[in-house]
Amino acid sequence: MRFYWLLLGALAVWRITHLLANEDGPWDLILRLRTAVGSGFWGQMMDCFNCLSLWVALPFAFGMADGWREGLLLFTGFARGAANSSARKSRIL
């Protein structure tokens, strides 16, 4: 796998995770979804950026990988890349 695919994957995971955890989405669709899941397990997971980035990274990693070993490495790399991007963004702002 080329390095730019790793960067693009991490940025895509960050973007989708940020949309689900911190934004209302177009026509408030994500806000309605967050309201519908409530404050139980799924609601708490949607509020936790790092937890949600793990679940978002999973299909990206195994979809882009050539084998299960590469998928495991990409999974951790994508999730950590998204979490690092979020931490850097919050420090800048």
Protein backbone atom coordinates (compact mmCIF):
# COMPACT_ATOMS: atom_id res chain seq x y z
CA MET A 1 0.00 0.00 0.00
CA ARG A 2 1.24 3.44 -0.81
CA PHE A 3 1.70 6.05 1.87
CA TYR A 4 -0.83 8.47 0.44
CA TRP A 5 -3.56 5.81 0.79
CA LEU A 6 -2.73 5.61 4.48
CA LEU A 7 -3.07 9.39 4.81
CA LEU A 8 -6.29 9.52 2.79
CA GLY A 9 -7.76 6.68 4.83
CA ALA A 10 -6.90 8.37 8.12
CA LEU A 11 -8.37 11.67 6.92
CA ALA A 12 -11.55 9.95 5.72
CA VAL A 13 -11.96 8.20 9.08
CA TRP A 14 -11.40 11.51 10.88
CA ARG A 15 -13.94 13.31 8.69
CA ILE A 16 -16.71 10.75 9.12
CA THR A 17 -16.02 10.39 12.85
CA HIS A 18 -16.07 14.17 13.26
CA LEU A 19 -19.37 14.35 11.38
CA LEU A 20 -20.97 11.69 13.57
CA ALA A 21 -19.59 12.91 16.90
CA ASN A 22 -19.48 16.71 16.64
CA GLU A 23 -21.69 18.00 13.84
CA ASP A 24 -25.42 18.17 13.15
CA GLY A 25 -25.04 17.06 9.53
CA PRO A 26 -27.00 18.16 6.51
CA TRP A 27 -30.65 18.88 7.30
CA ASP A 28 -29.85 17.93 10.94
CA LEU A 29 -29.83 14.22 10.05
CA ILE A 30 -26.97 13.36 12.40
CA LEU A 31 -28.57 15.40 15.19
CA ARG A 32 -31.79 13.40 14.74
CA LEU A 33 -29.81 10.15 14.78
CA ARG A 34 -27.99 11.19 17.95
CA THR A 35 -31.32 12.14 19.56
CA ALA A 36 -32.88 8.83 18.51
CA VAL A 37 -30.15 6.69 20.10
CA GLY A 38 -30.55 8.57 23.37
CA SER A 39 -28.10 8.51 26.24
CA GLY A 40 -27.58 4.75 26.50
CA PHE A 41 -24.63 2.76 25.20
CA TRP A 42 -24.98 3.90 21.58
CA GLY A 43 -25.54 7.51 22.56
CA GLN A 44 -22.42 7.55 24.72
CA MET A 45 -20.43 5.92 21.94
CA MET A 46 -21.52 8.62 19.49
CA ASP A 47 -20.33 11.29 21.94
CA CYS A 48 -16.87 9.73 22.41
CA PHE A 49 -14.66 10.67 19.46
CA ASN A 50 -11.96 8.07 20.16
CA CYS A 51 -14.49 5.25 20.64
CA LEU A 52 -16.34 6.16 17.49
CA SER A 53 -13.14 6.42 15.45
CA LEU A 54 -12.46 2.74 16.19
CA TRP A 55 -15.81 1.69 14.73
CA VAL A 56 -15.48 3.97 11.72
CA ALA A 57 -11.91 2.80 11.03
CA LEU A 58 -12.87 -0.88 10.96
CA PRO A 59 -14.64 -1.02 7.55
CA PHE A 60 -12.14 1.39 6.01
CA ALA A 61 -9.17 -0.70 7.12
CA PHE A 62 -10.44 -4.07 6.00
CA GLY A 63 -11.87 -2.61 2.81
CA MET A 64 -8.51 -1.17 1.78
CA ALA A 65 -6.29 -4.01 3.02
CA ASP A 66 -4.87 -6.82 0.94
CA GLY A 67 -5.02 -9.30 3.82
CA TRP A 68 -6.20 -9.57 7.40
CA ARG A 69 -2.77 -8.74 8.84
CA GLU A 70 -2.57 -5.54 6.84
CA GLY A 71 -6.17 -4.84 7.85
CA LEU A 72 -5.29 -5.01 11.54
CA LEU A 73 -2.39 -2.62 11.07
CA LEU A 74 -4.48 -0.22 9.01
CA PHE A 75 -7.29 -0.41 11.57
CA THR A 76 -5.07 0.80 14.38
CA GLY A 77 -3.34 3.33 12.14
CA PHE A 78 -6.59 4.86 10.86
CA ALA A 79 -8.15 5.07 14.32
CA ARG A 80 -5.03 6.59 15.88
CA GLY A 81 -4.58 8.99 12.97
CA ALA A 82 -8.14 10.24 13.39
CA ALA A 83 -7.68 10.66 17.15
CA ASN A 84 -4.40 12.54 16.65
CA SER A 85 -5.99 14.83 14.08
CA SER A 86 -8.82 15.60 16.47
CA ALA A 87 -6.43 16.32 19.34
CA ARG A 88 -4.31 18.64 17.19
CA LYS A 89 -7.39 20.47 15.93
CA SER A 90 -8.67 21.12 19.44
CA ARG A 91 -5.27 22.45 20.57
CA ILE A 92 -5.08 24.84 17.62
CA LEU A 93 -8.58 26.21 18.20
